Amino acid sequence: MVHPGEKEIVVTAQAFWIAKPGDGEIRPVEVPEPGPGEVLVRTLHSGVSRGTETLVFRGGVPASQHAAMRAPFQEGDFPAPVKYGYLNVGVVEQGPAELVGRTVFCLYPHQTHYVVPAEAVTVVPENVPARRAVLAGTVETALNALWDAAPLIGDRITVVGAGMIGASVAATLARFPATRVQLVDANPERALLAARLGVDFALPPDAAGDRDLVVHASATSEGLTRSLELLATEGTVVELSWYGDRQVSVPLGEFFHSRRLVIKSSQVGGIAPARRDRRTYADRLATALDLLEDPIFDALLTGESDFAALPAVMPRLTSGELPALCHLITYETGE
């Protein structure tokens, strides 16, 4: 019996929770009937962003950043128990008529069904496969970084760190007119990824110098130091790495001041100042999904598991045993 003011439960869903640092589990959750202006979504795929999500999984979010690091539909608190994630693609089963049956992206954790406000979902373009659409949140980060970086036609640009974010930046820059883009990583196997993205590759000691712009995404002190070394005079490093609770040391003596170098942070939680007055968060995400019409981004999907295996998969991703960029999670209803 449903009492006045209560919502009827339409489905018992399954959700992935971090029970304690390094330990995940699947828990049942009751999903209510969507109310006016809400949608019920059945998940097809979600994605594990290996950098941020494995940091959360191991309990590495600093206490000072607990509020800043909250995902839009997170439940629980850091370090645990917490339900965390933000790359989810599904089909609207109930809600406004114009959305029912549409494939949508949402910044929602790993869960089989969920209800959110209709404005929290973004319709996936018809020519973007649902699998590739899980990258929307990551490509949105890359887009925001390039709004911050403001590259110019003909620039010499290096991306240091060929992880999920760095690869997304390189893939986006690959279409930028007349730029010379080099992807730099300590793992020589990333050369194949660079080739698939259509950019040059180098190991850190062999990277080209005199760069107008370097985007750093390796999350290491060594990577940031090398990024500074690669810059031309008055060049800029755009820092995308999230270090969590780790201390970072870089040489700000030596050539840093004499060459008038710049280190500029970029974070997807806020729209880049250059676009803040003219673009909404919805605009930015829609643009990221438009970029995903290019199959070049399929190179970032480097592993796949069933949802039921996620508690066993997360420790392997965190340890590096599974060296994924974006690890795709497929649900029983996945396509």
Protein backbone atom coordinates (compact mmCIF):
# COMPACT_ATOMS: atom_id res chain seq x y z
CA MET A 1 0.00 0.00 0.00
CA VAL A 2 1.25 3.46 -0.95
CA HIS A 3 0.47 6.08 1.69
CA PRO A 4 -0.39 9.69 0.79
CA GLY A 5 2.75 11.63 -0.11
CA GLU A 6 4.76 8.45 -0.81
CA LYS A 7 5.91 7.38 -4.27
CA GLU A 8 5.24 3.89 -5.59
CA ILE A 9 8.37 1.77 -6.08
CA VAL A 10 8.62 0.86 -9.75
CA VAL A 11 11.77 -1.27 -9.69
CA THR A 12 14.40 -2.65 -7.34
CA ALA A 13 17.68 -1.63 -8.92
CA GLN A 14 21.26 -2.66 -8.23
CA ALA A 15 23.98 -0.11 -7.45
CA PHE A 16 27.76 -0.26 -6.95
CA TRP A 17 28.94 1.10 -3.60
CA ILE A 18 32.41 1.53 -2.11
CA ALA A 19 31.84 -0.11 1.27
CA LYS A 20 35.29 0.87 2.55
CA PRO A 21 38.49 2.00 0.80
CA GLY A 22 39.53 -0.76 -1.59
CA ASP A 23 36.32 -2.77 -1.17
CA GLY A 24 33.23 -2.47 -3.39
CA GLU A 25 29.91 -4.27 -3.43
CA ILE A 26 26.58 -4.40 -5.29
CA ARG A 27 23.63 -3.24 -3.20
CA PRO A 28 19.88 -3.26 -3.92
CA VAL A 29 18.12 0.10 -4.09
CA GLU A 30 14.44 0.89 -4.52
CA VAL A 31 13.71 3.27 -7.39
CA PRO A 32 10.48 5.28 -7.05
CA GLU A 33 7.93 6.25 -9.67
CA PRO A 34 9.20 9.37 -11.47
CA GLY A 35 7.31 12.51 -10.58
CA PRO A 36 6.45 15.45 -12.81
CA GLY A 37 9.54 16.63 -14.66
CA GLU A 38 11.49 13.47 -13.82
CA VAL A 39 12.68 10.50 -15.89
CA LEU A 40 13.22 6.83 -15.15
CA VAL A 41 16.38 5.64 -16.92
CA ARG A 42 17.43 2.04 -17.59
CA THR A 43 21.22 1.91 -17.83
CA LEU A 44 22.88 0.47 -20.91
CA HIS A 45 26.50 1.29 -20.12
CA SER A 46 28.55 3.18 -17.57
CA GLY A 47 32.23 3.99 -17.64
CA VAL A 48 34.98 3.90 -15.03
CA SER A 49 37.22 6.94 -15.31
CA ARG A 50 40.38 5.21 -14.15
CA GLY A 51 42.13 8.26 -12.70
CA THR A 52 39.46 9.86 -10.53
CA GLU A 53 37.38 6.81 -9.71
CA THR A 54 40.30 4.65 -8.65
CA LEU A 55 41.51 7.50 -6.42
CA VAL A 56 38.06 7.54 -4.80
CA PHE A 57 38.05 3.75 -4.57
CA ARG A 58 41.31 3.65 -2.63
CA GLY A 59 40.12 6.43 -0.28
CA GLY A 60 42.56 9.05 -1.57
CA VAL A 61 40.31 12.12 -1.63
CA PRO A 62 41.76 14.68 0.85
CA ALA A 63 39.38 15.84 3.59
CA SER A 64 39.74 19.42 2.31
CA GLN A 65 38.32 18.33 -1.06
CA HIS A 66 35.40 16.19 0.09
CA ALA A 67 32.84 18.83 -0.85
CA ALA A 68 34.53 19.83 -4.13
CA MET A 69 34.84 16.21 -5.28
CA ARG A 70 31.21 15.25 -4.78
CA ALA A 71 29.61 13.84 -7.93
CA PRO A 72 26.19 15.26 -8.91
CA PHE A 73 24.20 12.18 -7.76
CA GLN A 74 26.64 10.78 -5.23
CA GLU A 75 25.24 9.10 -2.13
CA GLY A 76 27.23 8.71 1.05
CA ASP A 77 30.41 10.56 1.96
CA PHE A 78 34.13 10.16 1.39
CA PRO A 79 36.00 8.03 2.06
CA ALA A 80 33.20 5.43 2.45
CA PRO A 81 30.59 4.11 2.25
CA VAL A 82 29.92 6.04 -0.94
CA LYS A 83 28.17 5.54 -4.29
CA TYR A 84 30.31 7.39 -6.82
CA GLY A 85 30.48 7.70 -10.60
CA TYR A 86 29.55 10.08 -13.40
CA LEU A 87 29.61 8.34 -16.78
CA ASN A 88 26.21 6.75 -17.42
CA VAL A 89 24.26 6.12 -20.63
CA GLY A 90 20.77 4.66 -20.63
CA VAL A 91 17.30 4.68 -22.16
CA VAL A 92 14.43 6.76 -20.75
CA GLU A 93 11.58 4.39 -19.86
CA GLN A 94 9.24 6.87 -18.19
CA GLY A 95 9.03 10.66 -18.26
CA PRO A 96 8.15 13.47 -20.65
CA ALA A 97 6.92 12.12 -24.00
CA GLU A 98 9.74 13.76 -25.97
CA LEU A 99 12.32 11.79 -23.92
CA VAL A 100 10.71 8.36 -23.62
CA GLY A 101 12.68 5.85 -25.67
CA ARG A 102 15.62 8.23 -26.18
CA THR A 103 19.19 7.30 -25.31
CA VAL A 104 20.60 9.80 -22.81
CA PHE A 105 23.80 10.62 -20.95
CA CYS A 106 23.72 11.44 -17.24
CA LEU A 107 26.34 12.18 -14.60
CA TYR A 108 25.09 9.25 -12.53
CA PRO A 109 26.93 6.45 -10.67
CA HIS A 110 26.96 2.77 -11.64
CA GLN A 111 23.35 1.64 -11.18
CA THR A 112 20.91 -0.44 -13.24
CA HIS A 113 17.93 1.99 -13.06
CA TYR A 114 17.54 5.48 -11.59
CA VAL A 115 15.25 8.50 -11.44
CA VAL A 116 16.57 12.03 -11.97
CA PRO A 117 15.16 15.41 -13.05
CA ALA A 118 14.65 15.54 -16.81
CA GLU A 119 17.08 18.43 -17.10
CA ALA A 120 19.83 16.19 -15.68
CA VAL A 121 19.93 14.03 -18.83
CA THR A 122 21.28 14.98 -22.25
CA VAL A 123 19.99 13.26 -25.38
CA VAL A 124 22.73 11.35 -27.21
CA PRO A 125 22.87 12.19 -30.94
CA GLU A 126 21.57 9.36 -33.09
CA ASN A 127 24.93 8.80 -34.79
CA VAL A 128 26.81 8.43 -31.47
CA PRO A 129 26.77 4.80 -30.26
CA ALA A 130 25.68 4.33 -26.64
CA ARG A 131 29.03 2.70 -25.82
CA ARG A 132 31.01 5.70 -27.05
CA ALA A 133 28.64 8.15 -25.35
CA VAL A 134 29.94 7.14 -21.89
CA LEU A 135 32.99 9.26 -22.77
CA ALA A 136 30.89 12.45 -22.76
CA GLY A 137 31.98 13.49 -19.28
CA THR A 138 35.65 12.99 -20.13
CA VAL A 139 35.44 14.77 -23.47
CA GLU A 140 33.63 17.59 -21.65
CA THR A 141 36.69 17.88 -19.39
CA ALA A 142 38.94 18.05 -22.46
CA LEU A 143 36.70 20.65 -24.07
CA ASN A 144 36.77 22.82 -20.95
CA ALA A 145 40.56 22.49 -20.79
CA LEU A 146 40.91 23.72 -24.35
CA TRP A 147 38.59 26.63 -23.61
CA ASP A 148 41.04 27.46 -20.81
CA ALA A 149 44.11 26.85 -22.99
CA ALA A 150 42.82 28.79 -26.03
CA PRO A 151 45.15 27.19 -28.61
CA LEU A 152 45.85 29.11 -31.80
CA ILE A 153 46.00 27.86 -35.37
CA GLY A 154 49.52 26.61 -36.08
CA ASP A 155 50.47 26.10 -32.43
CA ARG A 156 52.98 23.45 -31.39
CA ILE A 157 51.19 21.56 -28.64
CA THR A 158 52.21 18.66 -26.44
CA VAL A 159 49.95 16.55 -24.22
CA VAL A 160 51.90 14.89 -21.41
CA GLY A 161 50.12 11.83 -20.03
CA ALA A 162 48.24 9.47 -22.33
CA GLY A 163 45.55 8.47 -19.87
CA MET A 164 41.84 8.97 -20.39
CA ILE A 165 41.91 12.77 -20.03
CA GLY A 166 45.15 13.30 -21.94
CA ALA A 167 43.99 11.08 -24.77
CA SER A 168 40.68 12.97 -24.94
CA VAL A 169 42.57 16.26 -25.23
CA ALA A 170 44.85 14.84 -27.94
CA ALA A 171 41.89 13.43 -29.88
CA THR A 172 40.14 16.80 -29.76
CA LEU A 173 43.28 18.70 -30.80
CA ALA A 174 43.89 16.28 -33.67
CA ARG A 175 41.14 18.07 -35.63
CA PHE A 176 42.40 21.59 -34.79
CA PRO A 177 43.71 23.37 -37.93
CA ALA A 178 47.44 23.32 -38.66
CA THR A 179 48.50 22.37 -35.14
CA ARG A 180 51.41 20.04 -34.49
CA VAL A 181 50.32 17.76 -31.65
CA GLN A 182 52.55 15.32 -29.80
CA LEU A 183 51.35 12.87 -27.15
CA VAL A 184 54.01 12.06 -24.53
CA ASP A 185 53.90 9.13 -22.13
CA ALA A 186 56.36 6.92 -20.26
CA ASN A 187 54.62 3.81 -21.55
CA PRO A 188 55.88 3.02 -25.07
CA GLU A 189 52.71 1.03 -25.76
CA ARG A 190 50.82 4.34 -25.90
CA ALA A 191 52.41 4.90 -29.31
CA LEU A 192 49.67 2.74 -30.80
CA LEU A 193 47.03 4.90 -29.12
CA ALA A 194 48.65 8.06 -30.52
CA ALA A 195 48.63 6.53 -34.00
CA ARG A 196 44.92 5.74 -33.68
CA LEU A 197 44.27 9.34 -32.60
CA GLY A 198 46.28 10.74 -35.49
CA VAL A 199 48.95 12.54 -33.44
CA ASP A 200 52.71 12.09 -32.94
CA PHE A 201 54.13 10.15 -29.99
CA ALA A 202 57.29 10.39 -27.92
CA LEU A 203 58.71 9.03 -24.68
CA PRO A 204 59.47 11.85 -22.17
CA PRO A 205 63.24 12.07 -22.92
CA ASP A 206 62.57 12.29 -26.66
CA ALA A 207 59.72 14.82 -26.62
CA ALA A 208 59.93 17.85 -28.88
CA GLY A 209 60.68 21.17 -27.16
CA ASP A 210 59.93 24.82 -27.85
CA ARG A 211 56.18 24.21 -27.47
CA ASP A 212 53.64 27.01 -27.37
CA LEU A 213 51.31 25.02 -25.12
CA VAL A 214 51.59 21.88 -23.00
CA VAL A 215 48.59 20.15 -21.47
CA HIS A 216 49.65 18.06 -18.49
CA ALA A 217 47.58 15.04 -17.44
CA SER A 218 50.04 12.44 -16.10
CA ALA A 219 49.35 13.16 -12.41
CA THR A 220 53.07 12.91 -11.61
CA SER A 221 55.67 15.41 -10.48
CA GLU A 222 57.98 14.13 -13.19
CA GLY A 223 55.34 14.76 -15.84
CA LEU A 224 54.72 18.33 -14.70
CA THR A 225 58.46 19.02 -14.55
CA ARG A 226 58.92 17.68 -18.08
CA SER A 227 55.96 19.78 -19.25
CA LEU A 228 57.71 22.95 -18.05
CA GLU A 229 60.95 21.90 -19.74
CA LEU A 230 59.18 21.50 -23.08
CA LEU A 231 57.77 25.04 -23.18
CA ALA A 232 58.98 27.89 -25.34
CA THR A 233 59.58 31.24 -23.64
CA GLU A 234 56.31 32.59 -22.20
CA GLY A 235 54.59 29.28 -22.91
CA THR A 236 51.81 27.82 -20.75
CA VAL A 237 51.21 24.50 -19.06
CA VAL A 238 47.53 23.77 -18.51
CA GLU A 239 47.37 21.43 -15.52
CA LEU A 240 44.58 18.84 -15.64
CA SER A 241 46.00 16.29 -13.20
CA TRP A 242 44.21 15.56 -9.96
CA TYR A 243 46.75 14.56 -7.32
CA GLY A 244 44.36 13.81 -4.48
CA ASP A 245 46.28 13.55 -1.22
CA ARG A 246 49.76 13.41 -2.79
CA GLN A 247 52.36 16.19 -2.53
CA VAL A 248 53.81 17.52 -5.80
CA SER A 249 57.29 18.95 -6.26
CA VAL A 250 58.35 20.94 -9.35
CA PRO A 251 61.37 23.18 -10.10
CA LEU A 252 60.20 26.78 -9.93
CA GLY A 253 63.77 28.03 -9.82
CA GLU A 254 66.18 27.50 -12.71
CA PHE A 255 64.45 28.57 -15.97
CA PHE A 256 60.91 29.08 -14.65
CA HIS A 257 61.12 32.84 -14.06
CA SER A 258 63.69 33.73 -16.71
CA ARG A 259 61.49 32.18 -19.41
CA ARG A 260 58.32 33.67 -17.89
CA LEU A 261 56.48 30.35 -17.89
CA VAL A 262 52.88 29.89 -16.77
CA ILE A 263 51.14 27.00 -14.97
CA LYS A 264 47.37 27.31 -15.31
CA SER A 265 44.86 25.03 -13.64
CA SER A 266 41.72 23.77 -15.35
CA GLN A 267 38.86 21.91 -13.70
CA VAL A 268 35.59 20.77 -15.24
CA GLY A 269 33.59 21.73 -12.13
CA GLY A 270 33.51 25.31 -13.43
CA ILE A 271 33.09 26.55 -16.99
CA ALA A 272 36.24 28.18 -18.35
CA PRO A 273 36.14 31.96 -17.77
CA ALA A 274 36.44 32.63 -21.51
CA ARG A 275 33.02 30.98 -22.05
CA ARG A 276 31.35 31.39 -18.66
CA ASP A 277 29.05 34.23 -19.74
CA ARG A 278 28.00 32.54 -22.99
CA ARG A 279 27.82 28.79 -22.34
CA THR A 280 25.85 26.77 -19.80
CA TYR A 281 26.85 23.39 -18.43
CA ALA A 282 24.19 21.87 -20.71
CA ASP A 283 25.73 23.64 -23.72
CA ARG A 284 29.17 22.30 -22.86
CA LEU A 285 27.97 18.71 -22.44
CA ALA A 286 25.96 18.86 -25.67
CA THR A 287 29.09 20.04 -27.51
CA ALA A 288 31.07 17.15 -26.03
CA LEU A 289 28.47 14.70 -27.33
CA ASP A 290 28.66 16.32 -30.77
CA LEU A 291 32.43 15.76 -30.75
CA LEU A 292 31.80 12.09 -30.02
CA GLU A 293 30.30 11.63 -33.47
CA ASP A 294 33.93 11.02 -34.51
CA PRO A 295 34.82 7.28 -34.18
CA ILE A 296 38.38 8.31 -33.30
CA PHE A 297 37.23 8.33 -29.66
CA ASP A 298 36.62 4.57 -29.71
CA ALA A 299 40.37 4.28 -29.05
CA LEU A 300 39.68 5.38 -25.46
CA LEU A 301 37.44 2.38 -24.70
CA THR A 302 40.10 -0.13 -23.70
CA GLY A 303 38.29 -2.72 -21.61
CA GLU A 304 34.82 -4.05 -20.84
CA SER A 305 33.14 -5.93 -17.99
CA ASP A 306 29.64 -6.86 -16.91
CA PHE A 307 28.11 -4.79 -14.12
CA ALA A 308 28.04 -7.81 -11.79
CA ALA A 309 31.85 -8.04 -12.04
CA LEU A 310 32.47 -4.44 -10.97
CA PRO A 311 33.40 -5.24 -7.32
CA ALA A 312 36.18 -7.50 -8.62
CA VAL A 313 37.18 -5.18 -11.46
CA MET A 314 37.71 -1.99 -9.43
CA PRO A 315 40.65 -3.32 -7.36
CA ARG A 316 42.32 -4.51 -10.57
CA LEU A 317 41.87 -1.10 -12.20
CA THR A 318 43.18 0.62 -9.08
CA SER A 319 46.30 -1.57 -8.89
CA GLY A 320 47.02 -1.15 -12.60
CA GLU A 321 46.54 -4.85 -13.33
CA LEU A 322 43.91 -3.69 -15.83
CA PRO A 323 45.67 -0.80 -17.63
CA ALA A 324 42.50 0.77 -18.96
CA LEU A 325 41.76 4.27 -20.15
CA CYS A 326 37.98 4.15 -19.93
CA HIS A 327 36.73 0.77 -18.75
CA LEU A 328 33.24 0.11 -20.09
CA ILE A 329 30.63 -1.45 -17.82
CA THR A 330 27.83 -3.22 -19.68
CA TYR A 331 24.50 -4.03 -18.07
CA GLU A 332 22.21 -6.96 -18.82
CA THR A 333 20.11 -4.56 -20.89
CA GLY A 334 23.21 -3.10 -22.61
CA GLU A 335 23.39 -2.81 -26.38
